[in-house]
Protein backbone atom coordinates (compact mmCIF):
# COMPACT_ATOMS: atom_id res chain seq x y z
CA UNK A 1 65.55 6.87 127.45
CA UNK A 2 67.24 4.66 130.06
CA UNK A 3 70.15 4.13 127.66
CA UNK A 4 70.88 7.86 127.84
CA UNK A 5 71.10 8.01 131.62
CA UNK A 6 74.66 6.75 131.91
CA UNK A 7 76.15 8.87 129.06
CA UNK A 8 74.40 12.00 130.32
CA UNK A 9 75.49 11.33 133.90
CA UNK A 10 79.07 10.80 132.74
CA UNK A 11 79.01 14.07 130.76
CA UNK A 12 77.65 15.86 133.84
CA UNK A 13 80.49 14.36 135.90
CA UNK A 14 82.98 15.73 133.36
CA UNK A 15 81.42 19.19 133.53
CA UNK A 16 81.67 19.04 137.32
CA UNK A 17 85.45 18.78 137.06
CA UNK A 18 85.59 22.25 135.48
CA UNK A 19 84.51 23.71 138.82
CA UNK A 20 87.73 22.41 140.37
CA UNK A 21 89.87 24.68 138.18
CA UNK A 22 90.34 28.44 138.15
CA UNK A 23 88.44 30.70 138.49
CA UNK A 24 86.10 28.51 140.60
CA UNK A 25 88.78 26.58 142.54
CA UNK A 26 86.44 24.07 144.22
CA UNK A 27 89.12 21.37 144.21
CA UNK A 28 86.81 18.77 145.80
CA UNK A 29 84.67 18.86 142.64
CA UNK A 30 87.54 17.22 140.77
CA UNK A 31 87.65 14.28 143.17
CA UNK A 32 83.87 13.93 143.16
CA UNK A 33 83.86 14.15 139.36
CA UNK A 34 86.34 11.30 138.96
CA UNK A 35 84.65 9.23 141.66
CA UNK A 36 81.30 9.66 139.92
CA UNK A 37 82.83 8.63 136.59
CA UNK A 38 84.46 5.54 138.15
CA UNK A 39 81.20 4.68 139.92
CA UNK A 40 79.25 4.94 136.67
CA UNK A 41 81.68 2.56 134.98
CA UNK A 42 81.30 0.08 137.84
CA UNK A 43 77.54 0.35 138.00
CA UNK A 44 77.17 0.10 134.23
CA UNK A 45 79.01 -3.21 134.40
CA UNK A 46 76.14 -4.55 136.48
CA UNK A 47 78.31 -7.00 138.33
CA UNK A 48 79.68 -8.49 135.11
CA UNK A 49 83.12 -8.15 133.62
CA UNK A 50 83.64 -4.63 132.33
CA UNK A 51 83.25 -4.20 128.61
CA UNK A 52 85.92 -2.08 126.93
CA UNK A 53 83.42 -0.49 124.57
CA UNK A 54 81.14 0.54 127.43
CA UNK A 55 83.88 2.06 129.60
CA UNK A 56 85.45 3.88 126.62
CA UNK A 57 82.04 5.29 125.66
CA UNK A 58 81.46 6.59 129.17
CA UNK A 59 84.96 8.07 129.17
CA UNK A 60 84.21 9.79 125.87
CA UNK A 61 81.02 11.28 127.32
CA UNK A 62 82.97 12.38 130.40
CA UNK A 63 85.39 14.16 128.07
CA UNK A 64 82.56 15.88 126.24
CA UNK A 65 81.34 17.39 129.49
CA UNK A 66 84.83 18.36 130.63
CA UNK A 67 86.12 19.94 127.42
CA UNK A 68 82.86 21.59 126.37
CA UNK A 69 82.65 23.39 129.72
CA UNK A 70 86.31 23.83 130.66
CA UNK A 71 87.36 24.65 127.10
CA UNK A 72 84.48 26.98 126.30
CA UNK A 73 86.97 29.79 125.72
CA UNK A 74 87.89 28.13 122.42
CA UNK A 75 84.50 29.18 121.05
CA UNK A 76 85.21 32.76 122.16
CA UNK A 77 88.53 32.78 120.30
CA UNK A 78 87.04 31.31 117.13
CA UNK A 79 83.99 33.57 116.89
CA UNK A 80 84.99 36.82 118.59
CA UNK A 81 88.54 37.07 117.23
CA UNK A 82 88.69 34.42 114.51
CA UNK A 83 85.94 35.95 112.42
CA UNK A 84 83.80 32.80 112.30
CA UNK A 85 80.02 32.76 112.41
CA UNK A 86 78.18 31.23 115.33
CA UNK A 87 77.23 27.99 113.49
CA UNK A 88 80.77 27.54 112.21
CA UNK A 89 82.15 28.33 115.67
CA UNK A 90 79.92 25.68 117.21
CA UNK A 91 81.00 23.17 114.55
CA UNK A 92 84.73 23.84 114.99
CA UNK A 93 84.52 23.87 118.77
CA UNK A 94 82.46 20.67 118.71
CA UNK A 95 85.07 18.94 116.57
CA UNK A 96 87.82 20.12 118.90
CA UNK A 97 85.94 18.81 121.96
CA UNK A 98 85.22 15.47 120.27
CA UNK A 99 88.88 14.91 119.35
CA UNK A 100 90.06 15.63 122.89
CA UNK A 101 87.35 13.36 124.30
CA UNK A 102 88.46 10.55 122.01
CA UNK A 103 92.05 10.91 123.28
CA UNK A 104 90.85 10.70 126.87
CA UNK A 105 88.64 7.70 126.12
CA UNK A 106 91.09 5.60 124.10
CA UNK A 107 92.97 4.02 127.06
CA UNK A 108 89.72 3.14 128.84
CA UNK A 109 88.94 0.58 126.14
CA UNK A 110 91.38 -1.67 128.02
CA UNK A 111 89.47 -1.35 131.27
CA UNK A 112 87.34 -4.23 130.02
CA UNK A 113 90.27 -6.56 130.70
CA UNK A 114 89.85 -6.16 134.44
CA UNK A 115 87.18 -7.70 136.63
CA UNK A 116 84.87 -5.10 138.08
CA UNK A 117 84.56 -4.33 141.77
CA UNK A 118 87.96 -5.74 142.74
CA UNK A 119 91.35 -4.17 143.54
CA UNK A 120 92.27 -4.67 139.89
CA UNK A 121 89.89 -1.83 139.05
CA UNK A 122 91.40 0.43 141.74
CA UNK A 123 94.82 -0.01 140.15
CA UNK A 124 93.82 0.04 136.49
CA UNK A 125 91.54 3.09 136.60
CA UNK A 126 94.18 5.67 137.69
CA UNK A 127 96.82 4.21 135.39
CA UNK A 128 94.50 4.50 132.40
CA UNK A 129 93.47 8.01 133.46
CA UNK A 130 97.14 8.99 133.40
CA UNK A 131 97.57 7.47 129.94
CA UNK A 132 94.64 9.54 128.68
CA UNK A 133 96.18 12.75 130.05
CA UNK A 134 99.64 11.87 128.75
CA UNK A 135 98.23 11.11 125.30
CA UNK A 136 96.86 14.65 125.14
CA UNK A 137 100.31 16.07 125.87
CA UNK A 138 101.79 15.10 122.51
CA UNK A 139 99.27 13.64 120.03
CA UNK A 140 98.52 16.13 117.21
CA UNK A 141 101.14 18.46 118.82
CA UNK A 142 99.30 18.15 122.14
CA UNK A 143 96.73 20.05 124.16
CA UNK A 144 97.93 19.75 127.80
CA UNK A 145 94.97 21.61 129.27
CA UNK A 146 92.43 20.74 132.00
CA UNK A 147 94.54 18.07 133.70
CA UNK A 148 92.95 16.95 136.97
CA UNK A 149 96.07 17.86 138.96
CA UNK A 150 95.86 21.56 138.11
CA UNK A 151 93.15 22.00 140.73
CA UNK A 152 95.71 21.22 143.45
CA UNK A 153 98.19 24.08 143.35
CA UNK A 154 97.07 24.95 146.90
CA UNK A 155 96.23 21.58 148.50
CA UNK A 156 98.42 19.01 150.22
CA UNK A 157 98.76 17.16 146.92
CA UNK A 158 100.80 20.12 145.60
CA UNK A 159 103.77 18.59 147.44
CA UNK A 160 103.86 15.86 144.78
CA UNK A 161 104.34 18.36 141.94
CA UNK A 162 108.17 18.55 142.18
CA UNK A 163 108.28 14.73 142.26
CA UNK A 164 105.57 13.47 139.90
CA UNK A 165 104.35 16.68 138.22
CA UNK A 166 100.73 17.49 137.43
CA UNK A 167 100.44 14.05 135.81
CA UNK A 168 101.29 12.29 139.06
CA UNK A 169 98.86 14.41 141.06
CA UNK A 170 96.11 13.45 138.61
CA UNK A 171 97.03 9.78 138.92
CA UNK A 172 96.88 9.90 142.73
CA UNK A 173 93.58 11.75 142.58
CA UNK A 174 92.16 9.11 140.21
CA UNK A 175 93.38 6.39 142.60
CA UNK A 176 91.41 7.97 145.42
CA UNK A 177 88.38 8.32 143.17
CA UNK A 178 88.52 4.65 142.16
CA UNK A 179 88.73 3.59 145.81
CA UNK A 180 85.72 5.75 146.69
CA UNK A 181 83.77 4.16 143.84
CA UNK A 182 84.71 0.66 145.00
CA UNK A 183 83.76 1.30 148.62
CA UNK A 184 80.45 2.84 147.61
CA UNK A 185 79.69 0.08 145.11
CA UNK A 186 78.83 -2.40 147.90
CA UNK A 187 77.74 -5.93 147.10
CA UNK A 188 78.50 -8.18 145.35
CA UNK A 189 82.03 -7.07 146.29
CA UNK A 190 83.04 -8.99 149.45
CA UNK A 191 85.44 -6.59 151.19
CA UNK A 192 87.50 -7.72 154.15
CA UNK A 193 88.39 -5.41 157.00
CA UNK A 194 92.01 -5.54 155.90
CA UNK A 195 90.91 -4.75 152.37
CA UNK A 196 88.95 -1.71 153.57
CA UNK A 197 91.99 -0.49 155.47
CA UNK A 198 94.21 -1.08 152.45
CA UNK A 199 91.93 0.73 150.05
CA UNK A 200 91.39 3.66 152.39
CA UNK A 201 95.14 3.92 152.96
CA UNK A 202 95.74 4.01 149.22
CA UNK A 203 93.20 6.83 148.88
CA UNK A 204 94.22 8.88 151.91
CA UNK A 205 97.99 8.37 152.29
CA UNK A 206 99.03 10.55 149.32
CA UNK A 207 97.56 13.61 151.06
CA UNK A 208 99.67 13.69 154.25
CA UNK A 209 102.70 12.47 152.32
CA UNK A 210 102.14 15.35 149.92
CA UNK A 211 101.99 17.75 152.86
CA UNK A 212 105.36 16.42 154.07
CA UNK A 213 106.88 16.65 150.59
CA UNK A 214 105.71 20.25 150.46
CA UNK A 215 108.14 21.03 153.28
CA UNK A 216 111.14 19.79 151.28
CA UNK A 217 113.33 22.45 149.67
CA UNK A 218 114.29 20.81 146.39
CA UNK A 219 115.99 23.99 145.16
CA UNK A 220 117.85 26.83 146.89
CA UNK A 221 118.34 30.56 146.42
CA UNK A 222 121.48 31.87 144.77
CA UNK A 223 122.22 35.57 145.15
CA UNK A 224 120.19 38.61 146.06
CA UNK A 225 116.64 39.39 144.88
CA UNK A 226 116.28 41.13 141.53
CA UNK A 227 113.60 43.79 140.98
CA UNK A 228 111.44 43.05 137.96
CA UNK A 229 108.92 45.37 136.31
CA UNK A 230 106.08 44.31 134.00
CA UNK A 231 104.08 46.46 131.58
CA UNK A 232 100.46 45.45 130.97
CA UNK A 233 99.45 47.76 128.13
CA UNK A 234 95.92 46.32 127.71
CA UNK A 235 95.82 46.64 123.92
CA UNK A 236 92.40 45.54 122.56
CA UNK A 237 92.89 42.54 120.28
CA UNK A 238 90.67 44.05 117.58
CA UNK A 239 92.98 47.12 117.47
CA UNK A 240 96.34 45.42 117.96
CA UNK A 241 97.24 45.07 114.28
CA UNK A 242 95.66 48.31 113.00
CA UNK A 243 98.34 50.63 111.55
CA UNK A 244 96.57 53.68 112.97
CA UNK A 245 96.84 52.26 116.52
CA UNK A 246 100.54 51.42 116.24
CA UNK A 247 101.81 54.72 117.68
CA UNK A 248 99.49 54.40 120.69
CA UNK A 249 100.76 50.87 121.33
CA UNK A 250 104.40 51.94 121.26
CA UNK A 251 103.66 54.92 123.50
CA UNK A 252 101.97 52.74 126.13
CA UNK A 253 104.95 50.42 126.39
CA UNK A 254 107.56 53.16 126.40
CA UNK A 255 105.68 55.17 129.04
CA UNK A 256 105.31 52.11 131.25
CA UNK A 257 108.98 51.25 130.82
CA UNK A 258 110.09 54.74 131.84
CA UNK A 259 107.88 54.64 134.95
CA UNK A 260 109.25 51.24 136.00
CA UNK A 261 112.86 52.26 135.38
CA UNK A 262 112.32 55.32 137.57
CA UNK A 263 110.92 53.00 140.28
CA UNK A 264 114.09 50.93 140.41
CA UNK A 265 113.33 47.97 138.11
CA UNK A 266 116.44 46.06 137.04
CA UNK A 267 114.65 44.04 134.36
CA UNK A 268 111.47 45.06 132.52
CA UNK A 269 109.20 42.61 130.71
CA UNK A 270 106.83 43.28 127.82
CA UNK A 271 104.32 40.59 126.78
CA UNK A 272 104.11 38.32 123.74
CA UNK A 273 104.31 40.14 120.37
CA UNK A 274 104.11 43.44 122.23
CA UNK A 275 104.90 45.51 119.17
CA UNK A 276 102.51 45.09 116.18
CA UNK A 277 105.24 44.93 113.56
CA UNK A 278 108.07 42.70 112.43
CA UNK A 279 111.51 43.09 113.99
CA UNK A 280 113.04 43.86 110.59
CA UNK A 281 110.40 46.47 109.80
CA UNK A 282 111.46 48.75 112.64
CA UNK A 283 115.28 48.90 112.83
CA UNK A 284 115.22 52.42 114.27
CA UNK A 285 112.83 51.43 117.06
CA UNK A 286 114.85 48.32 117.90
CA UNK A 287 118.06 50.36 118.00
CA UNK A 288 116.35 52.86 120.29
CA UNK A 289 115.25 50.10 122.67
CA UNK A 290 118.80 48.71 122.78
CA UNK A 291 120.36 52.15 123.32
CA UNK A 292 117.90 53.03 126.11
CA UNK A 293 118.60 49.73 127.88
CA UNK A 294 122.35 50.34 127.70
CA UNK A 295 122.08 53.92 128.93
CA UNK A 296 119.74 53.18 131.85
CA UNK A 297 121.31 49.82 132.77
CA UNK A 298 117.82 48.28 132.78
CA UNK A 299 117.47 45.20 130.59
CA UNK A 300 114.28 44.82 128.59
CA UNK A 301 112.72 41.49 127.56
CA UNK A 302 110.02 41.89 124.94
CA UNK A 303 107.89 39.60 122.84
CA UNK A 304 108.42 40.36 119.16
CA UNK A 305 107.68 38.87 115.75
CA UNK A 306 111.21 38.22 114.54
CA UNK A 307 111.77 37.90 110.79
CA UNK A 308 114.77 36.59 108.92
CA UNK A 309 115.63 35.39 105.43
CA UNK A 310 116.26 31.67 104.96
CA UNK A 311 117.18 30.38 101.50
CA UNK A 312 115.66 33.45 99.89
CA UNK A 313 112.39 33.15 101.83
CA UNK A 314 111.22 35.36 104.71
CA UNK A 315 110.69 33.31 107.88
CA UNK A 316 108.86 34.75 110.89
CA UNK A 317 109.18 33.52 114.48
CA UNK A 318 107.21 34.34 117.61
CA UNK A 319 110.13 35.40 119.77
CA UNK A 320 111.37 36.93 123.00
CA UNK A 321 114.21 39.43 122.58
CA UNK A 322 116.56 40.83 125.21
CA UNK A 323 117.67 44.45 124.83
CA UNK A 324 120.53 45.45 127.11
CA UNK A 325 123.93 44.19 128.19
CA UNK A 326 123.52 40.81 126.48
CA UNK A 327 121.20 41.06 123.44
CA UNK A 328 119.75 37.70 122.49
CA UNK A 329 116.61 36.25 120.89
CA UNK A 330 114.61 33.12 121.70
CA UNK A 331 112.22 31.64 119.12
CA UNK A 332 109.07 29.84 120.25
CA UNK A 333 109.25 26.08 119.68
CA UNK A 334 105.70 24.78 120.27
CA UNK A 335 103.20 26.69 118.18
CA UNK A 336 99.43 26.97 118.50
CA UNK A 337 97.60 25.23 115.64
CA UNK A 338 95.60 27.70 113.50
CA UNK A 339 96.57 30.63 115.75
CA UNK A 340 100.25 30.54 114.69
CA UNK A 341 100.36 28.02 111.89
CA UNK A 342 97.79 26.23 109.74
CA UNK A 343 98.02 22.41 109.62
CA UNK A 344 97.64 21.11 106.05
CA UNK A 345 97.81 24.76 105.01
CA UNK A 346 98.17 24.02 101.30
CA UNK A 347 94.66 22.57 101.39
CA UNK A 348 92.71 24.60 103.93
CA UNK A 349 94.29 28.07 104.08
CA UNK A 350 91.87 30.61 102.66
CA UNK A 351 88.78 28.42 102.91
CA UNK A 352 87.44 30.36 105.91
CA UNK A 353 88.59 33.51 107.71
CA UNK A 354 89.61 31.58 110.84
CA UNK A 355 92.39 29.86 108.85
CA UNK A 356 93.88 33.25 107.92
CA UNK A 357 94.49 34.84 111.31
CA UNK A 358 97.10 37.65 111.23
CA UNK A 359 99.76 35.52 112.95
CA UNK A 360 99.05 32.12 111.34
CA UNK A 361 102.29 32.21 109.32
CA UNK A 362 104.71 31.65 112.24
CA UNK A 363 107.48 29.04 112.04
CA UNK A 364 108.88 27.14 115.06
CA UNK A 365 112.34 27.79 116.38
CA UNK A 366 114.99 25.09 116.94
CA UNK A 367 114.44 22.69 119.83
CA UNK A 368 117.81 23.38 121.45
CA UNK A 369 118.15 27.04 122.45
CA UNK A 370 120.11 28.63 125.30
CA UNK A 371 118.33 30.53 128.10
CA UNK A 372 118.02 34.29 128.04
CA UNK A 373 120.32 36.43 130.21
CA UNK A 374 119.02 39.65 131.77
CA UNK A 375 119.58 41.42 135.07
CA UNK A 376 122.29 38.93 136.15
CA UNK A 377 119.75 36.10 135.91
CA UNK A 378 119.29 33.28 133.44
CA UNK A 379 115.69 32.99 132.26
CA UNK A 380 113.87 30.02 130.77
CA UNK A 381 111.71 31.72 128.10
CA UNK A 382 108.31 30.18 127.41
CA UNK A 383 105.93 31.97 125.08
CA UNK A 384 102.19 31.61 125.73
CA UNK A 385 101.19 28.01 124.93
CA UNK A 386 104.63 26.63 125.83
CA UNK A 387 104.04 27.06 129.56
CA UNK A 388 101.39 24.30 129.51
CA UNK A 389 103.94 21.60 128.54
CA UNK A 390 105.34 20.19 131.81
CA UNK A 391 108.30 18.34 130.29
CA UNK A 392 109.34 21.26 128.08
CA UNK A 393 109.36 23.64 131.06
CA UNK A 394 111.25 21.15 133.26
CA UNK A 395 113.95 20.70 130.62
CA UNK A 396 114.25 24.47 130.12
CA UNK A 397 114.47 25.07 133.87
CA UNK A 398 117.54 22.84 134.23
CA UNK A 399 119.71 25.49 132.59
CA UNK A 400 117.89 28.50 134.08
CA UNK A 401 117.32 30.26 137.38
CA UNK A 402 113.92 31.86 136.71
CA UNK A 403 110.95 30.91 134.53
CA UNK A 404 109.65 33.59 132.17
CA UNK A 405 106.38 33.27 130.31
CA UNK A 406 104.95 36.01 128.11
CA UNK A 407 101.50 35.79 126.59
CA UNK A 408 98.67 37.68 124.91
CA UNK A 409 95.54 36.20 126.46
CA UNK A 410 93.39 38.86 124.81
CA UNK A 411 92.56 36.07 122.35
CA UNK A 412 90.47 34.46 125.11
CA UNK A 413 88.37 37.54 125.76
CA UNK A 414 86.52 37.76 129.07
CA UNK A 415 86.43 33.97 129.50
CA UNK A 416 87.84 31.47 131.97
CA UNK A 417 90.78 30.72 129.65
CA UNK A 418 93.29 33.29 131.00
CA UNK A 419 92.65 32.24 134.60
CA UNK A 420 93.18 28.58 133.74
CA UNK A 421 96.36 29.59 131.92
CA UNK A 422 97.61 31.37 135.03
CA UNK A 423 96.88 28.32 137.19
CA UNK A 424 98.94 26.13 134.87
CA UNK A 425 101.84 28.56 135.14
CA UNK A 426 101.65 28.23 138.94
CA UNK A 427 101.98 24.46 138.58
CA UNK A 428 105.15 24.90 136.49
CA UNK A 429 106.71 26.94 139.32
CA UNK A 430 105.84 24.15 141.73
CA UNK A 431 107.26 21.43 139.48
CA UNK A 432 110.58 23.21 138.99
CA UNK A 433 111.11 25.04 142.29
CA UNK A 434 111.63 28.30 140.40
CA UNK A 435 110.22 31.81 140.54
CA UNK A 436 107.98 32.50 137.57
CA UNK A 437 107.42 35.87 135.92
CA UNK A 438 104.35 36.14 133.69
CA UNK A 439 103.94 39.16 131.45
CA UNK A 440 100.71 39.56 129.48
CA UNK A 441 98.87 42.15 127.42
CA UNK A 442 95.51 42.06 129.24
CA UNK A 443 96.21 39.78 132.23
CA UNK A 444 96.87 37.77 134.21
CA UNK A 445 100.24 39.51 134.75
CA UNK A 446 101.88 38.10 137.88
CA UNK A 447 104.92 36.85 139.77
CA UNK A 448 104.80 33.36 141.31
CA UNK A 449 107.17 32.00 143.95
CA UNK A 450 108.68 28.47 143.94
CA UNK A 451 105.78 27.25 146.12
CA UNK A 452 103.32 28.12 143.35
CA UNK A 453 101.92 31.13 145.24
CA UNK A 454 101.15 34.39 143.44
CA UNK A 455 103.13 37.13 145.21
CA UNK A 456 102.22 40.06 142.93
CA UNK A 457 99.41 40.40 140.39
CA UNK A 458 97.72 43.00 138.18
CA UNK A 459 93.96 43.10 137.58
CA UNK A 460 92.74 41.92 134.19
CA UNK A 461 91.80 44.35 131.41
CA UNK A 462 93.53 47.32 133.06
CA UNK A 463 96.41 49.35 131.73
CA UNK A 464 98.92 49.13 134.58
CA UNK A 465 102.51 48.48 135.61
CA UNK A 466 103.77 46.11 138.26
CA UNK A 467 107.04 45.80 140.13
CA UNK A 468 108.17 42.86 142.25
CA UNK A 469 111.17 40.78 143.20
CA UNK A 470 112.46 37.37 142.16
CA UNK A 471 115.49 35.42 143.31
CA UNK A 472 117.67 33.07 141.32
CA UNK A 473 116.98 29.44 142.20
CA UNK A 474 119.43 26.62 141.64
CA UNK A 475 119.22 22.88 141.99
CA UNK A 476 116.75 20.46 140.46
CA UNK A 477 113.53 18.80 141.54
CA UNK A 478 113.07 15.05 140.94
CA UNK A 479 110.69 15.80 138.08
CA UNK A 480 113.29 17.98 136.36
CA UNK A 481 115.78 15.10 136.52
CA UNK A 482 113.52 12.13 135.75
CA UNK A 483 110.84 13.85 133.71
CA UNK A 484 107.68 11.87 133.16
CA UNK A 485 109.52 8.55 133.56
CA UNK A 486 108.68 8.46 137.27
CA UNK A 487 104.94 8.77 136.64
CA UNK A 488 105.12 6.23 133.83
CA UNK A 489 106.87 3.77 136.13
CA UNK A 490 104.18 4.20 138.79
CA UNK A 491 101.43 3.70 136.20
CA UNK A 492 103.23 0.61 134.86
CA UNK A 493 103.44 -0.88 138.37
CA UNK A 494 99.72 -0.26 138.85
CA UNK A 495 98.81 -1.87 135.53
CA UNK A 496 101.07 -4.83 136.27
CA UNK A 497 99.42 -5.29 139.65
CA UNK A 498 95.99 -5.02 138.07
CA UNK A 499 96.86 -7.71 135.52
CA UNK A 500 98.15 -10.03 138.24
CA UNK A 501 95.01 -9.59 140.31
CA UNK A 502 92.79 -10.05 137.28
CA UNK A 503 94.53 -13.31 136.39
CA UNK A 504 93.70 -14.68 139.83
CA UNK A 505 90.05 -13.99 138.98
CA UNK A 506 89.34 -13.77 142.68
CA UNK A 507 87.58 -11.04 144.65
CA UNK A 508 89.36 -9.43 147.56
CA UNK A 509 88.33 -12.11 150.02
CA UNK A 510 89.76 -14.84 152.21
CA UNK A 511 91.47 -16.50 149.26
CA UNK A 512 93.57 -13.37 148.76
CA UNK A 513 94.10 -12.01 152.26
CA UNK A 514 93.53 -15.07 154.41
CA UNK A 515 90.46 -13.81 156.23
CA UNK A 516 86.75 -13.85 155.76
CA UNK A 517 84.88 -11.07 153.95
CA UNK A 518 83.16 -8.50 156.12
CA UNK A 519 79.74 -9.52 154.87
CA UNK A 520 80.41 -13.10 156.01
CA UNK A 521 81.51 -12.22 159.54
CA UNK A 522 79.24 -12.22 162.53
């Protein structure tokens, strides 16, 4: 039974981190969660050199708690809308959680190279935490969800977002957590007064510096505000693709568009795959949308399933189309596994209903695509899942003045998923210094300013329209220019410092700082 205490405690610490994210927003839970995890790793070492297997196992358990609680919406999608039974849903969700936990845990195998309860640990722990988060951003197409930094869209650490992105905020948070764990660990660590000051400075300094960075205007306005309208039609997911509900869907969007145009909107946004049919299946409707936009002078941006013929085969993209003075189409680049395409589809498609979702035949668009132009603004289009990729959004923002993300979060049901998704979109606005417009089917539909603050928002699961203003932003944040290289460099410096301290094989004592340890002073 005693052998289970540490794994269970680590899993509980991971679950605690979920409370730091939306909709709970208890950001301190994230810091306490990481500090508890670091403390468990230290205490499990029992004063001996850390074992890689032990620290990786605890990290894996931490991931189980984090992803099972924070990613619980995956089960909702699989069972409620994917047609899977409860046992199969539990099995698929469990496999998903285990894979993510393994990604998080893999870097912590190397924590065994560093002596416990010394500054080497304080440097190695946050660097390895960053590597675990970064690994999840690209391995198996990536799942950049539940990063520790997302809890800090409204704290002083938010000032680091334009410089180091959500990855850097997570690294700084993990640094503070490691310091807390070291200071609480007590003997046999002989800490000097100077060491205490140094460790506390490392933990606390990023906060006021972040507050100062938050006052820096990395980007600037260009031109007058543009009035944007958004239609939230609130189409039930179970009815979305029914032919008999198609007319009602079209009516909801057209009625909302007319109301927003009458209210002075210059650009109107419909959500992801707003119309339940292929672009090529409805040429008359598409022509009508283009003609109405030209006649009213109000550009329309709509999500649409865009089909084309390539080498005799019909190819379908999840796209965003502009109707108006400059018609153009953007095709989604990063697709959702199983929801939009089926990995290894020649082997597993058709085995269970979940692998045959109505949109699981989508193909990705080319990596290099120009921004959309509507309402005298250039828009960086990001469809649903794409908004959670920090580097993709930063690259897209370089050529754009406003971020646009359209989504259909009805797939998440009444879970915490849509609210987490909204929080991640806020972080992208912070990282790029851009206004962000988010159009969804069932919520959260909102406008976010360059400081990551929601200025206008519609309630979830309500049929409603919204009108607000955005302003073109120009210039680039450090993260847009450097990308993740800056965070990688900081992590590399930390790991290098940890290796150097570990090679000395000395505690932080008089031999290192030239003074006696606190516990040896009178």
